[in-house]
Amino acid sequence: MNKKVIACLISVAAAMIIVIIAGTQTIRPVAENNIADMTKCYASVEIRPEDTLWSISKEYAAKYGVSTADYLKELMQVNGLSSERILSGAHIIVVYWE
C-alpha cells in the first residue's frame, strides 16, 4: 500500500474512535427545535478551500436550531481539535440529527 492510502486508513480509524468516544456528548438545542427526540449521527466531510470551522459550524447549527458556538465546541471535541485551524482537502466529522 502506498503512504497516502495508509495515512487515509489511519485517519478514518482515528475518526471512528473519536466518534465512539464523543457519542455521549450532546449539544443543547435552542427552544424552537427539539433535537432531543432525534438520532444523533456523524458524517465525514471534506474541507473545501473556502471553509473555516466557524463557517461549517454556522451551516450545521442553523439546520438544527443550535447555537453556532455550541456546535463549534461539539465539532472541535468530536474531531479532537485544540484549535479552529483546518486544512483544505482534509476530512472532519460533522454531527447531524435525523
Protein backbone atom coordinates (compact mmCIF):
# COMPACT_ATOMS: atom_id res chain seq x y z
CA MET A 1 0.00 0.00 0.00
CA ASN A 2 1.21 3.49 -0.67
CA LYS A 3 1.69 6.07 2.07
CA LYS A 4 -1.44 8.05 1.12
CA VAL A 5 -3.70 5.01 1.48
CA ILE A 6 -2.16 4.09 4.83
CA ALA A 7 -2.50 7.67 6.08
CA CYS A 8 -6.13 7.75 4.96
CA LEU A 9 -6.89 4.45 6.72
CA ILE A 10 -5.26 5.71 9.91
CA SER A 11 -7.28 8.95 9.70
CA VAL A 12 -10.54 7.07 9.24
CA ALA A 13 -9.76 4.73 12.15
CA ALA A 14 -8.88 7.67 14.40
CA ALA A 15 -12.07 9.49 13.40
CA MET A 16 -14.16 6.44 14.22
CA ILE A 17 -12.55 6.15 17.66
CA ILE A 18 -13.27 9.82 18.30
CA VAL A 19 -16.88 9.36 17.19
CA ILE A 20 -17.32 6.42 19.54
CA ILE A 21 -15.79 8.31 22.46
CA ALA A 22 -17.69 11.52 21.74
CA GLY A 23 -21.01 9.75 21.12
CA THR A 24 -22.24 10.53 24.59
CA GLN A 25 -21.78 14.28 24.17
CA THR A 26 -24.81 16.42 23.39
CA ILE A 27 -25.50 19.91 22.13
CA ARG A 28 -28.09 21.99 23.92
CA PRO A 29 -30.80 22.84 21.37
CA VAL A 30 -32.44 26.23 21.20
CA ALA A 31 -36.09 26.34 22.20
CA GLU A 32 -37.70 26.24 18.73
CA ASN A 33 -36.21 22.86 17.73
CA ASN A 34 -36.30 19.65 19.74
CA ILE A 35 -33.36 17.55 18.60
CA ALA A 36 -33.63 15.55 21.82
CA ASP A 37 -36.11 13.25 20.06
CA MET A 38 -33.85 12.82 17.01
CA THR A 39 -30.98 10.40 16.42
CA LYS A 40 -27.51 11.92 16.57
CA CYS A 41 -25.47 10.93 13.50
CA TYR A 42 -21.96 11.54 12.22
CA ALA A 43 -20.56 12.02 8.73
CA SER A 44 -17.12 12.70 7.31
CA VAL A 45 -16.90 15.76 5.07
CA GLU A 46 -14.01 17.10 3.02
CA ILE A 47 -12.89 20.60 3.86
CA ARG A 48 -13.14 22.95 0.87
CA PRO A 49 -10.66 25.83 0.35
CA GLU A 50 -13.20 28.45 1.48
CA ASP A 51 -14.27 26.54 4.62
CA THR A 52 -13.49 27.55 8.17
CA LEU A 53 -14.50 25.66 11.26
CA TRP A 54 -16.78 28.59 12.11
CA SER A 55 -18.49 28.55 8.66
CA ILE A 56 -19.08 24.80 8.88
CA SER A 57 -20.44 25.20 12.42
CA LYS A 58 -22.70 28.04 11.34
CA GLU A 59 -24.10 25.99 8.44
CA TYR A 60 -24.91 22.90 10.51
CA ALA A 61 -26.07 24.81 13.61
CA ALA A 62 -28.62 26.72 11.54
CA LYS A 63 -30.05 23.48 10.12
CA TYR A 64 -30.71 22.05 13.58
CA GLY A 65 -31.50 25.12 15.65
CA VAL A 66 -28.45 25.07 17.89
CA SER A 67 -26.08 27.93 18.59
CA THR A 68 -23.05 28.21 16.35
CA ALA A 69 -20.77 28.44 19.39
CA ASP A 70 -22.18 25.21 20.88
CA TYR A 71 -21.89 23.41 17.55
CA LEU A 72 -18.32 24.65 17.10
CA LYS A 73 -17.43 23.30 20.55
CA GLU A 74 -19.01 19.94 19.67
CA LEU A 75 -17.20 19.85 16.31
CA MET A 76 -13.84 20.51 17.97
CA GLN A 77 -14.49 17.86 20.59
CA VAL A 78 -15.66 15.18 18.13
CA ASN A 79 -12.60 15.78 15.95
CA GLY A 80 -10.11 16.11 18.80
CA LEU A 81 -9.14 19.63 17.73
CA SER A 82 -7.35 22.01 20.07
CA SER A 83 -7.62 24.97 17.68
CA GLU A 84 -10.02 26.13 14.96
CA ARG A 85 -7.38 25.66 12.26
CA ILE A 86 -8.42 23.27 9.49
CA LEU A 87 -6.77 22.46 6.18
CA SER A 88 -8.40 22.31 2.76
CA GLY A 89 -8.62 18.74 1.48
CA ALA A 90 -8.64 17.21 4.97
CA HIS A 91 -11.73 15.49 6.36
CA ILE A 92 -13.63 16.22 9.55
CA ILE A 93 -16.50 14.51 11.28
CA VAL A 94 -19.70 16.58 11.45
CA VAL A 95 -22.70 15.98 13.69
CA TYR A 96 -26.26 15.98 12.36
CA TRP A 97 -29.64 14.70 13.52
CA GLU A 98 -32.30 12.57 11.82
